[in-house]
Amino acid sequence: METNHQSLVEWLPGFFQQWPENVLTSNEPTNTEQIVIDVDQFRAFLNRLTTPLQAVQHNVLSFDPWDIAGLKRNEVRNSSVLAWLLNPEGSHGFDAIPLNALLALSRTSKKEFFPASFMRYCRVQVETNPVGDSKNRVDIEIDADNFFLLIEVKIGAFEQDKQIERYCSDAEKKAGGRPWGVVFLTPNGRQPVSSGSNNHHISCLSWRHLAREMEGDMHKAYQKAVAVHPASPMKQIAAHAAFCFIERMHQF
């Protein structure tokens, strides 16, 4: 991009030197017969504007909508945005790509691999009680036809008494024979204080690790999509919001 900007800057002075001075400065009617414009050169000029204009358009979206929304380090609010990003039907436009990145990092029993993706349906909810116990309020619940996953989000709060052990019990009950797991998402990917005998079902992830896994495939998908069809303003804004949250995940 720098090369395109430099070549444009070097080329512009010569273009305007060839432009008749009185076209821009004189208030008197001009003699259009004296104006000679090289059509090919003018077309090249317009073509060279494409990259700088795209850069300007990108800079317009340089604000962080989540900063304006006041997410900060609030776990409930950040859980809601993460759930939006993990929802295959979310308005972010990346379908199941973020979810599949999470599934690739998730663990289940010794004998099974976690499914790479859902098959028929996938419901993502926040602030749920999986088996109806009001004491076990889970940050994110992902209920799919071929797996069941709970996510406990930590940014600054402490772990509650036997919290992950209790979530494992709920997840196993709710899964009903499906592969199941519990993701313990923390700033440093630490182990939970309590897990019982369910270590093989618990995935201890850091926000940064999950962000890295998500953004690689998301960037590839976005670049591939815009290479075929220019993204609409709405899709650009949605993608920008998703990438802004990924960047915030790196900071936790």
C-alpha atoms as a PDB file:
ATOM      1  CA  MET A   1       0.000   0.000   0.000  1.00  0.00           C
ATOM      2  CA  GLU A   2       2.867   2.346   0.761  1.00  0.00           C
ATOM      3  CA  THR A   3       4.221   1.901  -2.758  1.00  0.00           C
ATOM      4  CA  ASN A   4       0.861   2.825  -4.290  1.00  0.00           C
ATOM      5  CA  HIS A   5       0.617   5.950  -2.111  1.00  0.00           C
ATOM      6  CA  GLN A   6       4.154   7.001  -3.007  1.00  0.00           C
ATOM      7  CA  SER A   7       3.655   6.535  -6.734  1.00  0.00           C
ATOM      8  CA  LEU A   8       0.437   8.543  -6.584  1.00  0.00           C
ATOM      9  CA  VAL A   9       2.125  11.395  -4.736  1.00  0.00           C
ATOM     10  CA  GLU A  10       4.981  11.442  -7.226  1.00  0.00           C
ATOM     11  CA  TRP A  11       2.611  11.385 -10.183  1.00  0.00           C
ATOM     12  CA  LEU A  12       0.131  14.070  -9.054  1.00  0.00           C
ATOM     13  CA  PRO A  13       2.418  17.130  -9.487  1.00  0.00           C
ATOM     14  CA  GLY A  14       3.112  16.259 -13.100  1.00  0.00           C
ATOM     15  CA  PHE A  15      -0.581  15.787 -13.795  1.00  0.00           C
ATOM     16  CA  PHE A  16      -1.572  19.188 -12.448  1.00  0.00           C
ATOM     17  CA  GLN A  17       1.352  20.901 -14.164  1.00  0.00           C
ATOM     18  CA  GLN A  18      -0.186  19.786 -17.440  1.00  0.00           C
ATOM     19  CA  TRP A  19      -3.609  21.091 -16.406  1.00  0.00           C
ATOM     20  CA  PRO A  20      -4.313  24.571 -17.861  1.00  0.00           C
ATOM     21  CA  GLU A  21      -3.806  27.162 -15.120  1.00  0.00           C
ATOM     22  CA  ASN A  22      -6.785  29.307 -16.055  1.00  0.00           C
ATOM     23  CA  VAL A  23      -9.196  26.379 -15.650  1.00  0.00           C
ATOM     24  CA  LEU A  24      -8.810  26.631 -11.890  1.00  0.00           C
ATOM     25  CA  THR A  25      -8.028  30.334 -11.438  1.00  0.00           C
ATOM     26  CA  SER A  26      -9.899  32.341 -14.050  1.00  0.00           C
ATOM     27  CA  ASN A  27     -13.507  33.448 -13.705  1.00  0.00           C
ATOM     28  CA  GLU A  28     -13.725  34.198 -17.428  1.00  0.00           C
ATOM     29  CA  PRO A  29     -15.171  31.668 -19.859  1.00  0.00           C
ATOM     30  CA  THR A  30     -12.477  29.307 -20.981  1.00  0.00           C
ATOM     31  CA  ASN A  31     -11.679  28.228 -24.459  1.00  0.00           C
ATOM     32  CA  THR A  32     -12.278  24.480 -24.202  1.00  0.00           C
ATOM     33  CA  GLU A  33     -10.479  23.925 -27.502  1.00  0.00           C
ATOM     34  CA  GLN A  34      -7.208  24.805 -25.770  1.00  0.00           C
ATOM     35  CA  ILE A  35      -7.641  22.115 -23.110  1.00  0.00           C
ATOM     36  CA  VAL A  36      -5.929  18.895 -24.034  1.00  0.00           C
ATOM     37  CA  ILE A  37      -6.452  15.943 -21.705  1.00  0.00           C
ATOM     38  CA  ASP A  38      -4.724  12.638 -22.157  1.00  0.00           C
ATOM     39  CA  VAL A  39      -7.608  10.217 -21.610  1.00  0.00           C
ATOM     40  CA  ASP A  40      -5.368   7.263 -20.831  1.00  0.00           C
ATOM     41  CA  GLN A  41      -3.388   9.283 -18.328  1.00  0.00           C
ATOM     42  CA  PHE A  42      -6.559  10.561 -16.670  1.00  0.00           C
ATOM     43  CA  ARG A  43      -7.920   7.009 -16.471  1.00  0.00           C
ATOM     44  CA  ALA A  44      -4.670   5.922 -14.857  1.00  0.00           C
ATOM     45  CA  PHE A  45      -5.034   8.767 -12.364  1.00  0.00           C
ATOM     46  CA  LEU A  46      -8.495   7.610 -11.352  1.00  0.00           C
ATOM     47  CA  ASN A  47      -7.331   4.013 -11.072  1.00  0.00           C
ATOM     48  CA  ARG A  48      -4.507   5.071  -8.788  1.00  0.00           C
ATOM     49  CA  LEU A  49      -7.007   6.737  -6.480  1.00  0.00           C
ATOM     50  CA  THR A  50      -8.584   3.383  -5.632  1.00  0.00           C
ATOM     51  CA  THR A  51      -6.087   2.304  -2.981  1.00  0.00           C
ATOM     52  CA  PRO A  52      -5.898   5.660  -1.180  1.00  0.00           C
ATOM     53  CA  LEU A  53      -9.687   5.923  -1.135  1.00  0.00           C
ATOM     54  CA  GLN A  54      -9.953   2.426   0.317  1.00  0.00           C
ATOM     55  CA  ALA A  55      -7.450   3.424   2.973  1.00  0.00           C
ATOM     56  CA  VAL A  56      -9.501   6.507   3.825  1.00  0.00           C
ATOM     57  CA  GLN A  57     -12.635   4.380   3.996  1.00  0.00           C
ATOM     58  CA  HIS A  58     -10.867   2.004   6.396  1.00  0.00           C
ATOM     59  CA  ASN A  59      -9.775   4.903   8.597  1.00  0.00           C
ATOM     60  CA  VAL A  60     -13.372   6.038   8.878  1.00  0.00           C
ATOM     61  CA  LEU A  61     -14.007   2.721  10.660  1.00  0.00           C
ATOM     62  CA  SER A  62     -11.068   3.152  12.997  1.00  0.00           C
ATOM     63  CA  PHE A  63     -13.256   3.781  16.056  1.00  0.00           C
ATOM     64  CA  ASP A  64     -14.002   0.951  18.522  1.00  0.00           C
ATOM     65  CA  PRO A  65     -17.785   0.504  18.956  1.00  0.00           C
ATOM     66  CA  TRP A  66     -17.213  -1.590  22.092  1.00  0.00           C
ATOM     67  CA  ASP A  67     -15.313   1.249  23.707  1.00  0.00           C
ATOM     68  CA  ILE A  68     -18.306   3.507  23.094  1.00  0.00           C
ATOM     69  CA  ALA A  69     -20.603   0.797  24.493  1.00  0.00           C
ATOM     70  CA  GLY A  70     -18.560   0.755  27.698  1.00  0.00           C
ATOM     71  CA  LEU A  71     -17.621  -2.929  27.739  1.00  0.00           C
ATOM     72  CA  LYS A  72     -14.354  -2.349  29.592  1.00  0.00           C
ATOM     73  CA  ARG A  73     -13.620  -5.490  31.673  1.00  0.00           C
ATOM     74  CA  ASN A  74     -17.223  -6.197  32.595  1.00  0.00           C
ATOM     75  CA  GLU A  75     -17.626  -9.981  32.392  1.00  0.00           C
ATOM     76  CA  VAL A  76     -21.372  -9.993  31.735  1.00  0.00           C
ATOM     77  CA  ARG A  77     -21.120  -7.530  28.855  1.00  0.00           C
ATOM     78  CA  ASN A  78     -18.078  -9.192  27.317  1.00  0.00           C
ATOM     79  CA  SER A  79     -19.777 -12.588  27.621  1.00  0.00           C
ATOM     80  CA  SER A  80     -22.707 -11.241  25.612  1.00  0.00           C
ATOM     81  CA  VAL A  81     -20.456 -10.012  22.805  1.00  0.00           C
ATOM     82  CA  LEU A  82     -18.477 -13.268  22.806  1.00  0.00           C
ATOM     83  CA  ALA A  83     -21.742 -15.196  22.547  1.00  0.00           C
ATOM     84  CA  TRP A  84     -22.718 -13.003  19.569  1.00  0.00           C
ATOM     85  CA  LEU A  85     -19.416 -13.820  17.902  1.00  0.00           C
ATOM     86  CA  LEU A  86     -19.791 -17.562  18.588  1.00  0.00           C
ATOM     87  CA  ASN A  87     -23.343 -17.679  17.263  1.00  0.00           C
ATOM     88  CA  PRO A  88     -23.304 -19.083  13.688  1.00  0.00           C
ATOM     89  CA  GLU A  89     -26.386 -16.978  12.960  1.00  0.00           C
ATOM     90  CA  GLY A  90     -24.911 -13.807  14.453  1.00  0.00           C
ATOM     91  CA  SER A  91     -25.003 -10.571  12.474  1.00  0.00           C
ATOM     92  CA  HIS A  92     -21.173 -10.517  12.355  1.00  0.00           C
ATOM     93  CA  GLY A  93     -21.307 -12.346   8.992  1.00  0.00           C
ATOM     94  CA  PHE A  94     -18.646 -14.978   9.727  1.00  0.00           C
ATOM     95  CA  ASP A  95     -21.102 -17.860  10.109  1.00  0.00           C
ATOM     96  CA  ALA A  96     -19.565 -20.704  12.180  1.00  0.00           C
ATOM     97  CA  ILE A  97     -15.914 -19.687  11.744  1.00  0.00           C
ATOM     98  CA  PRO A  98     -15.450 -18.254  15.274  1.00  0.00           C
ATOM     99  CA  LEU A  99     -17.366 -21.173  16.811  1.00  0.00           C
ATOM    100  CA  ASN A 100     -15.325 -23.752  14.911  1.00  0.00           C
ATOM    101  CA  ALA A 101     -12.129 -22.131  16.154  1.00  0.00           C
ATOM    102  CA  LEU A 102     -13.349 -22.630  19.712  1.00  0.00           C
ATOM    103  CA  LEU A 103     -14.387 -26.225  19.067  1.00  0.00           C
ATOM    104  CA  ALA A 104     -10.931 -27.007  17.694  1.00  0.00           C
ATOM    105  CA  LEU A 105      -9.519 -26.020  21.100  1.00  0.00           C
ATOM    106  CA  SER A 106     -12.145 -27.806  23.193  1.00  0.00           C
ATOM    107  CA  ARG A 107     -11.736 -31.118  24.972  1.00  0.00           C
ATOM    108  CA  THR A 108     -14.126 -33.941  25.767  1.00  0.00           C
ATOM    109  CA  SER A 109     -13.485 -37.450  27.084  1.00  0.00           C
ATOM    110  CA  LYS A 110     -10.264 -39.396  26.495  1.00  0.00           C
ATOM    111  CA  LYS A 111     -11.893 -41.553  23.848  1.00  0.00           C
ATOM    112  CA  GLU A 112     -13.591 -38.845  21.777  1.00  0.00           C
ATOM    113  CA  PHE A 113     -12.651 -35.806  19.755  1.00  0.00           C
ATOM    114  CA  PHE A 114     -14.859 -32.766  20.069  1.00  0.00           C
ATOM    115  CA  PRO A 115     -16.967 -32.287  16.906  1.00  0.00           C
ATOM    116  CA  ALA A 116     -15.398 -29.850  14.459  1.00  0.00           C
ATOM    117  CA  SER A 117     -18.733 -28.118  13.899  1.00  0.00           C
ATOM    118  CA  PHE A 118     -22.453 -28.501  14.464  1.00  0.00           C
ATOM    119  CA  MET A 119     -24.573 -30.367  11.929  1.00  0.00           C
ATOM    120  CA  ARG A 120     -28.243 -29.363  12.019  1.00  0.00           C
ATOM    121  CA  TYR A 121     -28.715 -26.715  14.692  1.00  0.00           C
ATOM    122  CA  CYS A 122     -26.767 -24.681  17.221  1.00  0.00           C
ATOM    123  CA  ARG A 123     -28.253 -22.438  19.904  1.00  0.00           C
ATOM    124  CA  VAL A 124     -26.048 -19.967  21.767  1.00  0.00           C
ATOM    125  CA  GLN A 125     -27.413 -18.389  24.955  1.00  0.00           C
ATOM    126  CA  VAL A 126     -26.059 -16.262  27.793  1.00  0.00           C
ATOM    127  CA  GLU A 127     -26.818 -16.279  31.515  1.00  0.00           C
ATOM    128  CA  THR A 128     -28.479 -19.700  31.634  1.00  0.00           C
ATOM    129  CA  ASN A 129     -29.223 -22.374  34.218  1.00  0.00           C
ATOM    130  CA  PRO A 130     -28.640 -25.531  32.138  1.00  0.00           C
ATOM    131  CA  VAL A 131     -30.562 -27.965  34.367  1.00  0.00           C
ATOM    132  CA  GLY A 132     -32.718 -25.443  36.213  1.00  0.00           C
ATOM    133  CA  ASP A 133     -30.515 -24.995  39.276  1.00  0.00           C
ATOM    134  CA  SER A 134     -30.537 -21.274  40.041  1.00  0.00           C
ATOM    135  CA  LYS A 135     -27.211 -21.603  41.871  1.00  0.00           C
ATOM    136  CA  ASN A 136     -25.445 -22.569  38.645  1.00  0.00           C
ATOM    137  CA  ARG A 137     -25.699 -19.556  36.360  1.00  0.00           C
ATOM    138  CA  VAL A 138     -23.481 -20.170  33.339  1.00  0.00           C
ATOM    139  CA  ASP A 139     -22.088 -17.315  31.249  1.00  0.00           C
ATOM    140  CA  ILE A 140     -22.512 -18.965  27.823  1.00  0.00           C
ATOM    141  CA  GLU A 141     -24.331 -22.144  26.829  1.00  0.00           C
ATOM    142  CA  ILE A 142     -23.897 -23.690  23.378  1.00  0.00           C
ATOM    143  CA  ASP A 143     -26.471 -26.387  22.676  1.00  0.00           C
ATOM    144  CA  ALA A 144     -25.993 -28.139  19.319  1.00  0.00           C
ATOM    145  CA  ASP A 145     -27.394 -31.307  17.830  1.00  0.00           C
ATOM    146  CA  ASN A 146     -24.044 -33.108  18.157  1.00  0.00           C
ATOM    147  CA  PHE A 147     -22.415 -31.515  21.238  1.00  0.00           C
ATOM    148  CA  PHE A 148     -23.047 -29.493  24.380  1.00  0.00           C
ATOM    149  CA  LEU A 149     -20.641 -26.839  25.662  1.00  0.00           C
ATOM    150  CA  LEU A 150     -20.590 -24.450  28.609  1.00  0.00           C
ATOM    151  CA  ILE A 151     -18.256 -21.446  28.881  1.00  0.00           C
ATOM    152  CA  GLU A 152     -17.283 -19.797  32.135  1.00  0.00           C
ATOM    153  CA  VAL A 153     -15.872 -16.333  31.459  1.00  0.00           C
ATOM    154  CA  LYS A 154     -13.338 -14.804  33.814  1.00  0.00           C
ATOM    155  CA  ILE A 155     -11.621 -11.428  33.431  1.00  0.00           C
ATOM    156  CA  GLY A 156     -11.178 -10.198  36.982  1.00  0.00           C
ATOM    157  CA  ALA A 157     -13.646 -12.116  39.170  1.00  0.00           C
ATOM    158  CA  PHE A 158     -12.667 -14.995  41.428  1.00  0.00           C
ATOM    159  CA  GLU A 159     -13.817 -18.570  40.931  1.00  0.00           C
ATOM    160  CA  GLN A 160     -16.733 -19.608  43.117  1.00  0.00           C
ATOM    161  CA  ASP A 161     -16.736 -22.668  45.344  1.00  0.00           C
ATOM    162  CA  LYS A 162     -16.576 -25.821  43.199  1.00  0.00           C
ATOM    163  CA  GLN A 163     -17.870 -23.745  40.303  1.00  0.00           C
ATOM    164  CA  ILE A 164     -16.332 -25.659  37.395  1.00  0.00           C
ATOM    165  CA  GLU A 165     -17.036 -29.007  39.062  1.00  0.00           C
ATOM    166  CA  ARG A 166     -20.709 -28.057  39.329  1.00  0.00           C
ATOM    167  CA  TYR A 167     -20.774 -26.876  35.705  1.00  0.00           C
ATOM    168  CA  CYS A 168     -19.301 -30.173  34.568  1.00  0.00           C
ATOM    169  CA  SER A 169     -22.060 -32.022  36.373  1.00  0.00           C
ATOM    170  CA  ASP A 170     -24.719 -29.836  34.726  1.00  0.00           C
ATOM    171  CA  ALA A 171     -23.134 -30.180  31.289  1.00  0.00           C
ATOM    172  CA  GLU A 172     -23.000 -33.965  31.500  1.00  0.00           C
ATOM    173  CA  LYS A 173     -26.656 -34.126  32.512  1.00  0.00           C
ATOM    174  CA  LYS A 174     -27.811 -31.688  29.822  1.00  0.00           C
ATOM    175  CA  ALA A 175     -25.703 -33.343  27.094  1.00  0.00           C
ATOM    176  CA  GLY A 176     -27.729 -36.542  27.268  1.00  0.00           C
ATOM    177  CA  GLY A 177     -25.042 -38.712  25.702  1.00  0.00           C
ATOM    178  CA  ARG A 178     -23.648 -36.091  23.330  1.00  0.00           C
ATOM    179  CA  PRO A 179     -19.981 -35.067  23.556  1.00  0.00           C
ATOM    180  CA  TRP A 180     -19.765 -32.325  26.176  1.00  0.00           C
ATOM    181  CA  GLY A 181     -17.247 -29.984  27.669  1.00  0.00           C
ATOM    182  CA  VAL A 182     -16.672 -26.912  29.813  1.00  0.00           C
ATOM    183  CA  VAL A 183     -14.436 -24.045  28.672  1.00  0.00           C
ATOM    184  CA  PHE A 184     -12.738 -22.088  31.445  1.00  0.00           C
ATOM    185  CA  LEU A 185     -11.815 -18.801  29.754  1.00  0.00           C
ATOM    186  CA  THR A 186      -9.399 -16.633  31.745  1.00  0.00           C
ATOM    187  CA  PRO A 187      -6.711 -13.996  31.061  1.00  0.00           C
ATOM    188  CA  ASN A 188      -3.889 -16.529  31.488  1.00  0.00           C
ATOM    189  CA  GLY A 189      -5.569 -19.863  30.724  1.00  0.00           C
ATOM    190  CA  ARG A 190      -5.130 -21.121  34.269  1.00  0.00           C
ATOM    191  CA  GLN A 191      -6.527 -24.331  35.706  1.00  0.00           C
ATOM    192  CA  PRO A 192      -9.724 -24.123  37.777  1.00  0.00           C
ATOM    193  CA  VAL A 193      -9.533 -24.592  41.524  1.00  0.00           C
ATOM    194  CA  SER A 194     -12.054 -27.415  41.344  1.00  0.00           C
ATOM    195  CA  SER A 195     -12.738 -29.865  38.527  1.00  0.00           C
ATOM    196  CA  GLY A 196     -13.580 -33.133  40.272  1.00  0.00           C
ATOM    197  CA  SER A 197     -12.877 -36.127  38.050  1.00  0.00           C
ATOM    198  CA  ASN A 198     -13.720 -34.267  34.831  1.00  0.00           C
ATOM    199  CA  ASN A 199     -10.304 -32.944  33.781  1.00  0.00           C
ATOM    200  CA  HIS A 200     -10.610 -34.431  30.303  1.00  0.00           C
ATOM    201  CA  HIS A 201     -13.791 -32.434  29.702  1.00  0.00           C
ATOM    202  CA  ILE A 202     -12.354 -29.059  30.750  1.00  0.00           C
ATOM    203  CA  SER A 203     -10.588 -26.733  28.313  1.00  0.00           C
ATOM    204  CA  CYS A 204      -8.540 -24.027  30.019  1.00  0.00           C
ATOM    205  CA  LEU A 205      -8.066 -21.231  27.492  1.00  0.00           C
ATOM    206  CA  SER A 206      -6.717 -17.709  27.660  1.00  0.00           C
ATOM    207  CA  TRP A 207      -8.504 -14.866  25.905  1.00  0.00           C
ATOM    208  CA  ARG A 208      -5.402 -14.262  23.779  1.00  0.00           C
ATOM    209  CA  HIS A 209      -5.175 -17.884  22.658  1.00  0.00           C
ATOM    210  CA  LEU A 210      -8.817 -17.956  21.600  1.00  0.00           C
ATOM    211  CA  ALA A 211      -8.430 -14.589  19.835  1.00  0.00           C
ATOM    212  CA  ARG A 212      -5.451 -15.849  17.810  1.00  0.00           C
ATOM    213  CA  GLU A 213      -7.313 -18.967  16.712  1.00  0.00           C
ATOM    214  CA  MET A 214     -10.370 -17.006  15.677  1.00  0.00           C
ATOM    215  CA  GLU A 215      -8.820 -14.075  13.852  1.00  0.00           C
ATOM    216  CA  GLY A 216      -6.658 -16.084  11.448  1.00  0.00           C
ATOM    217  CA  ASP A 217      -9.580 -17.876   9.799  1.00  0.00           C
ATOM    218  CA  MET A 218     -11.798 -14.802  10.061  1.00  0.00           C
ATOM    219  CA  HIS A 219      -9.283 -12.611   8.207  1.00  0.00           C
ATOM    220  CA  LYS A 220      -8.882 -15.225   5.478  1.00  0.00           C
ATOM    221  CA  ALA A 221     -12.637 -15.545   5.039  1.00  0.00           C
ATOM    222  CA  TYR A 222     -13.144 -11.772   4.896  1.00  0.00           C
ATOM    223  CA  GLN A 223     -10.343 -11.206   2.393  1.00  0.00           C
ATOM    224  CA  LYS A 224     -11.645 -14.018   0.206  1.00  0.00           C
ATOM    225  CA  ALA A 225     -15.176 -12.636   0.318  1.00  0.00           C
ATOM    226  CA  VAL A 226     -14.258  -9.042  -0.588  1.00  0.00           C
ATOM    227  CA  ALA A 227     -11.991 -10.264  -3.374  1.00  0.00           C
ATOM    228  CA  VAL A 228     -15.043 -11.766  -5.082  1.00  0.00           C
ATOM    229  CA  HIS A 229     -17.645  -9.126  -4.191  1.00  0.00           C
ATOM    230  CA  PRO A 230     -16.948  -5.757  -2.502  1.00  0.00           C
ATOM    231  CA  ALA A 231     -18.450  -5.799   0.981  1.00  0.00           C
ATOM    232  CA  SER A 232     -21.530  -3.665   1.577  1.00  0.00           C
ATOM    233  CA  PRO A 233     -21.265  -0.894   4.196  1.00  0.00           C
ATOM    234  CA  MET A 234     -23.311  -2.988   6.641  1.00  0.00           C
ATOM    235  CA  LYS A 235     -21.022  -6.002   6.231  1.00  0.00           C
ATOM    236  CA  GLN A 236     -17.966  -3.802   6.651  1.00  0.00           C
ATOM    237  CA  ILE A 237     -19.322  -2.379   9.894  1.00  0.00           C
ATOM    238  CA  ALA A 238     -20.239  -5.846  11.205  1.00  0.00           C
ATOM    239  CA  ALA A 239     -16.811  -7.242  10.348  1.00  0.00           C
ATOM    240  CA  HIS A 240     -15.147  -4.198  11.888  1.00  0.00           C
ATOM    241  CA  ALA A 241     -17.086  -4.733  15.125  1.00  0.00           C
ATOM    242  CA  ALA A 242     -16.040  -8.397  15.205  1.00  0.00           C
ATOM    243  CA  PHE A 243     -12.360  -7.607  14.665  1.00  0.00           C
ATOM    244  CA  CYS A 244     -12.508  -4.832  17.274  1.00  0.00           C
ATOM    245  CA  PHE A 245     -13.719  -7.345  19.838  1.00  0.00           C
ATOM    246  CA  ILE A 246     -10.973  -9.780  18.829  1.00  0.00           C
ATOM    247  CA  GLU A 247      -8.476  -6.999  19.507  1.00  0.00           C
ATOM    248  CA  ARG A 248     -10.023  -6.429  22.922  1.00  0.00           C
ATOM    249  CA  MET A 249      -9.681 -10.143  23.671  1.00  0.00           C
ATOM    250  CA  HIS A 250      -5.923  -9.772  23.151  1.00  0.00           C
ATOM    251  CA  GLN A 251      -5.847  -7.184  25.932  1.00  0.00           C
ATOM    252  CA  PHE A 252      -7.474  -9.280  28.669  1.00  0.00           C
END
